Protein backbone atom coordinates (compact mmCIF):
# COMPACT_ATOMS: atom_id res chain seq x y z
CA UNK A 1 0.00 0.00 0.00
CA UNK A 2 1.11 3.57 -0.65
CA UNK A 3 1.70 6.01 2.18
CA UNK A 4 -1.25 8.12 3.25
CA UNK A 5 -0.98 11.88 3.65
CA UNK A 6 -2.69 12.01 7.04
CA UNK A 7 -2.96 15.83 7.13
CA UNK A 8 -4.71 15.93 3.74
CA UNK A 9 -7.03 13.11 4.79
CA UNK A 10 -7.87 14.83 8.10
CA UNK A 11 -8.70 18.07 6.30
CA UNK A 12 -10.90 16.25 3.78
CA UNK A 13 -12.81 14.48 6.56
CA UNK A 14 -13.10 17.73 8.54
CA UNK A 15 -14.83 19.37 5.58
CA UNK A 16 -17.26 16.52 4.98
CA UNK A 17 -15.58 13.96 2.69
CA UNK A 18 -16.06 10.37 3.93
CA UNK A 19 -12.67 8.90 4.85
CA UNK A 20 -13.17 5.77 2.72
CA UNK A 21 -13.29 7.74 -0.55
CA UNK A 22 -10.20 9.91 0.02
CA UNK A 23 -8.14 9.54 -3.16
CA UNK A 24 -5.00 11.55 -4.02
CA UNK A 25 -5.35 13.23 -7.41
CA UNK A 26 -2.42 15.65 -7.37
CA UNK A 27 1.04 15.96 -5.91
CA UNK A 28 3.56 18.77 -5.59
CA UNK A 29 6.51 16.92 -7.14
CA UNK A 30 7.59 13.61 -8.69
CA UNK A 31 8.69 12.23 -5.31
CA UNK A 32 5.21 12.82 -3.90
CA UNK A 33 3.63 11.14 -6.92
CA UNK A 34 5.80 8.06 -6.32
CA UNK A 35 5.05 8.10 -2.58
CA UNK A 36 1.29 8.69 -2.61
CA UNK A 37 -0.04 7.69 -6.04
CA UNK A 38 2.07 5.14 -7.97
CA UNK A 39 5.09 4.49 -10.15
CA UNK A 40 6.04 6.99 -12.84
CA UNK A 41 6.42 5.07 -16.10
CA UNK A 42 7.09 7.99 -18.46
CA UNK A 43 7.17 11.76 -18.70
CA UNK A 44 6.76 14.22 -21.55
CA UNK A 45 8.44 17.62 -21.53
CA UNK A 46 8.01 20.85 -23.42
CA UNK A 47 11.07 23.11 -23.07
CA UNK A 48 12.16 23.07 -19.42
CA UNK A 49 8.84 21.99 -17.89
CA UNK A 50 7.35 18.49 -17.50
CA UNK A 51 3.84 18.65 -18.93
CA UNK A 52 2.65 15.04 -18.64
CA UNK A 53 3.49 12.28 -16.18
CA UNK A 54 2.13 8.77 -16.80
CA UNK A 55 1.63 6.86 -13.55
CA UNK A 56 0.65 3.27 -12.83
CA UNK A 57 -0.36 1.55 -9.60
CA UNK A 58 1.22 -1.59 -8.19
CA UNK A 59 -0.57 -4.68 -9.45
CA UNK A 60 -1.10 -5.86 -5.85
CA UNK A 61 -2.89 -2.60 -4.98
CA UNK A 62 -5.15 -2.92 -8.02
CA UNK A 63 -6.02 -6.50 -7.05
CA UNK A 64 -6.81 -5.45 -3.49
CA UNK A 65 -9.14 -2.70 -4.73
CA UNK A 66 -10.89 -5.17 -7.09
CA UNK A 67 -11.40 -7.62 -4.22
CA UNK A 68 -12.83 -4.91 -1.99
CA UNK A 69 -15.25 -3.74 -4.68
CA UNK A 70 -16.34 -7.27 -5.59
CA UNK A 71 -14.89 -7.31 -9.13
């Protein structure tokens, strides 16, 4: 399982989001993407800025989510 940003989760719950649907959708840098979301498999750059980052989850995490959802 990936690490959980407990502060972000606490803030989401405080403002009404159920804790079981807290999903990270953004990160401040590539290290945070790797830590909280998944593995970076490729990036695309335009000049000096990275514009696109393709991320995948661990297969074991995807299997766990499928089992929990009944798929």
